[in-house]
Amino acid sequence: MAKEKSAFFTYKGLPLVRKGNQLYFGNMYDEFVVQMEIQSTKKVGEIEVADKVMIRKMSTDMTINPIEAIVKTAKKDSLYEALDIACAWLRV
């Protein structure tokens, strides 16, 4: 039996990939992606939710210095707000 290819989770039609406290939103073959870093969380009932998220719009051009690849930054108080900004930056 052939192994199925795993698909990325998508949000508003673009891939959203998480590893630990890092999330990447967008297609790596597009000009830009948005990297989100969960800097802190708080407990709401039984669930841990992000309450400080650093957002970085980055070029996917691998020839650019990683520091210079960052073209916009912002800090938000929830993952929802961070995704809202990320969508606007990528014009989804």
N, C-alpha and C. Protein backbone atom coordinates (compact mmCIF):
# COMPACT_ATOMS: atom_id res chain seq x y z
N MET A 1 0.84 -1.18 0.00
CA MET A 1 0.00 0.00 0.00
C MET A 1 0.89 1.24 0.00
N ALA A 2 0.60 2.19 -0.87
CA ALA A 2 1.39 3.42 -0.97
C ALA A 2 1.10 4.35 0.20
N LYS A 3 2.14 4.98 0.70
CA LYS A 3 1.99 5.92 1.80
C LYS A 3 1.40 7.23 1.27
N GLU A 4 0.36 7.74 1.95
CA GLU A 4 -0.26 8.99 1.53
C GLU A 4 0.63 10.17 1.86
N LYS A 5 0.61 11.15 0.98
CA LYS A 5 1.35 12.38 1.19
C LYS A 5 0.60 13.22 2.23
N SER A 6 1.30 13.69 3.26
CA SER A 6 0.62 14.50 4.26
C SER A 6 0.50 15.94 3.76
N ALA A 7 -0.67 16.51 3.93
CA ALA A 7 -0.92 17.88 3.49
C ALA A 7 -0.72 18.83 4.67
N PHE A 8 -0.30 20.05 4.36
CA PHE A 8 -0.17 21.06 5.40
C PHE A 8 -1.54 21.56 5.81
N PHE A 9 -1.67 21.95 7.07
CA PHE A 9 -2.86 22.64 7.53
C PHE A 9 -2.88 23.98 6.82
N THR A 10 -4.05 24.44 6.40
CA THR A 10 -4.13 25.74 5.74
C THR A 10 -5.06 26.67 6.49
N TYR A 11 -4.79 27.95 6.36
CA TYR A 11 -5.64 29.01 6.90
C TYR A 11 -5.85 30.01 5.78
N LYS A 12 -7.10 30.24 5.43
CA LYS A 12 -7.46 31.12 4.32
C LYS A 12 -6.72 30.75 3.04
N GLY A 13 -6.55 29.45 2.84
CA GLY A 13 -5.97 28.94 1.61
C GLY A 13 -4.46 28.87 1.55
N LEU A 14 -3.77 29.30 2.60
CA LEU A 14 -2.30 29.24 2.62
C LEU A 14 -1.82 28.30 3.70
N PRO A 15 -0.68 27.64 3.47
CA PRO A 15 -0.15 26.73 4.49
C PRO A 15 0.19 27.46 5.79
N LEU A 16 -0.12 26.79 6.89
CA LEU A 16 0.24 27.28 8.23
C LEU A 16 0.92 26.12 8.94
N VAL A 17 2.22 26.26 9.17
CA VAL A 17 3.04 25.18 9.72
C VAL A 17 3.61 25.62 11.06
N ARG A 18 3.49 24.74 12.07
CA ARG A 18 4.00 25.06 13.40
C ARG A 18 5.00 24.01 13.85
N LYS A 19 6.07 24.52 14.47
CA LYS A 19 7.01 23.65 15.15
C LYS A 19 7.37 24.35 16.45
N GLY A 20 6.93 23.81 17.55
CA GLY A 20 7.15 24.46 18.83
C GLY A 20 6.46 25.81 18.89
N ASN A 21 7.21 26.86 19.19
CA ASN A 21 6.66 28.20 19.29
C ASN A 21 6.79 29.00 18.00
N GLN A 22 7.23 28.36 16.93
CA GLN A 22 7.40 29.03 15.63
C GLN A 22 6.29 28.59 14.68
N LEU A 23 5.68 29.56 13.99
CA LEU A 23 4.69 29.27 12.96
C LEU A 23 5.10 29.98 11.69
N TYR A 24 4.91 29.32 10.56
CA TYR A 24 5.16 29.93 9.26
C TYR A 24 3.86 29.91 8.47
N PHE A 25 3.51 31.06 7.90
CA PHE A 25 2.27 31.21 7.16
C PHE A 25 2.59 31.68 5.76
N GLY A 26 2.12 30.95 4.77
CA GLY A 26 2.34 31.31 3.37
C GLY A 26 3.08 30.22 2.63
N ASN A 27 3.16 30.40 1.32
CA ASN A 27 3.85 29.45 0.44
C ASN A 27 5.31 29.86 0.29
N MET A 28 6.19 28.92 0.46
CA MET A 28 7.63 29.21 0.35
C MET A 28 8.03 29.56 -1.09
N TYR A 29 7.23 29.24 -2.07
CA TYR A 29 7.55 29.60 -3.45
C TYR A 29 7.03 31.00 -3.82
N ASP A 30 6.27 31.65 -2.91
CA ASP A 30 5.86 33.03 -3.12
C ASP A 30 6.99 33.97 -2.70
N GLU A 31 6.85 35.25 -2.98
CA GLU A 31 7.89 36.23 -2.67
C GLU A 31 8.12 36.39 -1.17
N PHE A 32 7.03 36.31 -0.37
CA PHE A 32 7.13 36.50 1.07
C PHE A 32 6.35 35.45 1.83
N VAL A 33 6.77 35.19 3.06
CA VAL A 33 6.02 34.41 4.05
C VAL A 33 6.03 35.21 5.34
N VAL A 34 5.19 34.80 6.28
CA VAL A 34 5.17 35.45 7.58
C VAL A 34 5.57 34.42 8.63
N GLN A 35 6.53 34.80 9.44
CA GLN A 35 6.98 33.95 10.55
C GLN A 35 6.41 34.55 11.83
N MET A 36 5.81 33.71 12.66
CA MET A 36 5.25 34.15 13.93
C MET A 36 5.93 33.37 15.05
N GLU A 37 6.31 34.09 16.07
CA GLU A 37 6.97 33.47 17.22
C GLU A 37 6.13 33.73 18.46
N ILE A 38 5.62 32.66 19.07
CA ILE A 38 4.86 32.80 20.31
C ILE A 38 5.87 33.04 21.43
N GLN A 39 5.82 34.24 22.01
CA GLN A 39 6.80 34.60 23.03
C GLN A 39 6.33 34.29 24.43
N SER A 40 5.00 34.28 24.65
CA SER A 40 4.47 33.89 25.95
C SER A 40 3.03 33.43 25.80
N THR A 41 2.58 32.66 26.80
CA THR A 41 1.21 32.15 26.81
C THR A 41 0.60 32.41 28.18
N LYS A 42 -0.73 32.31 28.22
CA LYS A 42 -1.44 32.38 29.49
C LYS A 42 -2.51 31.30 29.49
N LYS A 43 -2.94 30.93 30.66
CA LYS A 43 -3.94 29.88 30.81
C LYS A 43 -5.33 30.53 30.79
N VAL A 44 -6.19 30.03 29.92
CA VAL A 44 -7.59 30.45 29.86
C VAL A 44 -8.40 29.18 30.08
N GLY A 45 -8.94 29.04 31.26
CA GLY A 45 -9.59 27.78 31.62
C GLY A 45 -8.54 26.69 31.66
N GLU A 46 -8.75 25.66 30.86
CA GLU A 46 -7.81 24.54 30.79
C GLU A 46 -6.81 24.66 29.65
N ILE A 47 -6.92 25.74 28.84
CA ILE A 47 -6.14 25.84 27.61
C ILE A 47 -5.08 26.93 27.72
N GLU A 48 -3.87 26.63 27.20
CA GLU A 48 -2.80 27.62 27.08
C GLU A 48 -3.01 28.38 25.77
N VAL A 49 -3.09 29.71 25.84
CA VAL A 49 -3.25 30.51 24.63
C VAL A 49 -2.12 31.53 24.54
N ALA A 50 -1.74 31.86 23.32
CA ALA A 50 -0.67 32.84 23.10
C ALA A 50 -1.15 34.22 23.53
N ASP A 51 -0.29 34.94 24.27
CA ASP A 51 -0.65 36.32 24.63
C ASP A 51 0.42 37.33 24.21
N LYS A 52 1.51 36.87 23.65
CA LYS A 52 2.53 37.74 23.04
C LYS A 52 3.07 37.01 21.82
N VAL A 53 2.88 37.63 20.65
CA VAL A 53 3.32 37.00 19.40
C VAL A 53 4.11 38.02 18.58
N MET A 54 5.35 37.69 18.23
CA MET A 54 6.17 38.51 17.35
C MET A 54 5.93 38.04 15.92
N ILE A 55 5.67 39.00 15.02
CA ILE A 55 5.36 38.69 13.63
C ILE A 55 6.44 39.30 12.74
N ARG A 56 6.90 38.52 11.76
CA ARG A 56 7.92 39.01 10.82
C ARG A 56 7.54 38.62 9.40
N LYS A 57 7.41 39.61 8.52
CA LYS A 57 7.23 39.33 7.10
C LYS A 57 8.62 39.19 6.52
N MET A 58 8.87 38.06 5.85
CA MET A 58 10.21 37.73 5.38
C MET A 58 10.21 37.37 3.91
N SER A 59 11.26 37.76 3.22
CA SER A 59 11.48 37.35 1.84
C SER A 59 11.86 35.88 1.83
N THR A 60 11.43 35.17 0.80
CA THR A 60 11.80 33.77 0.65
C THR A 60 13.05 33.60 -0.21
N ASP A 61 13.65 34.72 -0.62
CA ASP A 61 14.87 34.69 -1.45
C ASP A 61 16.03 34.19 -0.60
N MET A 62 16.51 33.00 -0.90
CA MET A 62 17.57 32.36 -0.11
C MET A 62 18.93 33.03 -0.29
N THR A 63 19.08 33.93 -1.24
CA THR A 63 20.36 34.61 -1.46
C THR A 63 20.52 35.84 -0.56
N ILE A 64 19.44 36.23 0.12
CA ILE A 64 19.47 37.41 0.99
C ILE A 64 19.88 37.01 2.41
N ASN A 65 20.68 37.85 3.05
CA ASN A 65 21.03 37.67 4.45
C ASN A 65 19.73 37.56 5.26
N PRO A 66 19.61 36.58 6.17
CA PRO A 66 18.37 36.39 6.93
C PRO A 66 17.88 37.65 7.67
N ILE A 67 18.79 38.45 8.19
CA ILE A 67 18.40 39.69 8.87
C ILE A 67 17.80 40.67 7.87
N GLU A 68 18.39 40.78 6.69
CA GLU A 68 17.90 41.69 5.66
C GLU A 68 16.62 41.18 5.00
N ALA A 69 16.33 39.89 5.14
CA ALA A 69 15.12 39.32 4.55
C ALA A 69 13.85 39.79 5.26
N ILE A 70 13.99 40.24 6.51
CA ILE A 70 12.84 40.71 7.28
C ILE A 70 12.48 42.11 6.80
N VAL A 71 11.24 42.27 6.30
CA VAL A 71 10.83 43.56 5.75
C VAL A 71 9.80 44.29 6.62
N LYS A 72 9.11 43.56 7.50
CA LYS A 72 8.14 44.17 8.43
C LYS A 72 8.11 43.36 9.71
N THR A 73 7.87 44.06 10.82
CA THR A 73 7.70 43.36 12.10
C THR A 73 6.55 44.00 12.86
N ALA A 74 5.96 43.23 13.74
CA ALA A 74 4.91 43.72 14.63
C ALA A 74 4.82 42.77 15.82
N LYS A 75 4.19 43.24 16.88
CA LYS A 75 3.97 42.42 18.05
C LYS A 75 2.49 42.51 18.40
N LYS A 76 1.85 41.36 18.60
CA LYS A 76 0.42 41.33 18.91
C LYS A 76 0.16 40.54 20.18
N ASP A 77 -1.05 40.74 20.73
CA ASP A 77 -1.42 40.13 22.00
C ASP A 77 -2.22 38.83 21.87
N SER A 78 -2.36 38.32 20.65
CA SER A 78 -3.02 37.03 20.47
C SER A 78 -2.63 36.45 19.12
N LEU A 79 -2.78 35.14 19.01
CA LEU A 79 -2.48 34.48 17.74
C LEU A 79 -3.49 34.91 16.68
N TYR A 80 -4.74 35.15 17.07
CA TYR A 80 -5.75 35.62 16.12
C TYR A 80 -5.32 36.95 15.51
N GLU A 81 -4.91 37.90 16.35
CA GLU A 81 -4.45 39.20 15.84
C GLU A 81 -3.24 39.04 14.94
N ALA A 82 -2.33 38.14 15.31
CA ALA A 82 -1.13 37.90 14.49
C ALA A 82 -1.51 37.35 13.13
N LEU A 83 -2.43 36.39 13.08
CA LEU A 83 -2.87 35.83 11.80
C LEU A 83 -3.61 36.87 10.97
N ASP A 84 -4.36 37.75 11.62
CA ASP A 84 -5.06 38.82 10.91
C ASP A 84 -4.06 39.73 10.20
N ILE A 85 -3.00 40.13 10.90
CA ILE A 85 -1.95 40.97 10.31
C ILE A 85 -1.23 40.20 9.21
N ALA A 86 -0.92 38.92 9.46
CA ALA A 86 -0.23 38.10 8.45
C ALA A 86 -1.04 38.03 7.16
N CYS A 87 -2.34 37.86 7.27
CA CYS A 87 -3.20 37.82 6.08
C CYS A 87 -3.15 39.15 5.33
N ALA A 88 -3.20 40.24 6.06
CA ALA A 88 -3.13 41.56 5.42
C ALA A 88 -1.79 41.75 4.73
N TRP A 89 -0.70 41.34 5.37
CA TRP A 89 0.62 41.49 4.79
C TRP A 89 0.77 40.66 3.52
N LEU A 90 0.15 39.49 3.50
CA LEU A 90 0.24 38.63 2.33
C LEU A 90 -0.93 38.84 1.38
N ARG A 91 -1.84 39.73 1.76
CA ARG A 91 -3.04 40.07 0.98
C ARG A 91 -3.84 38.84 0.58
N VAL A 92 -4.20 38.05 1.58
CA VAL A 92 -5.01 36.85 1.36
C VAL A 92 -6.47 37.24 1.40
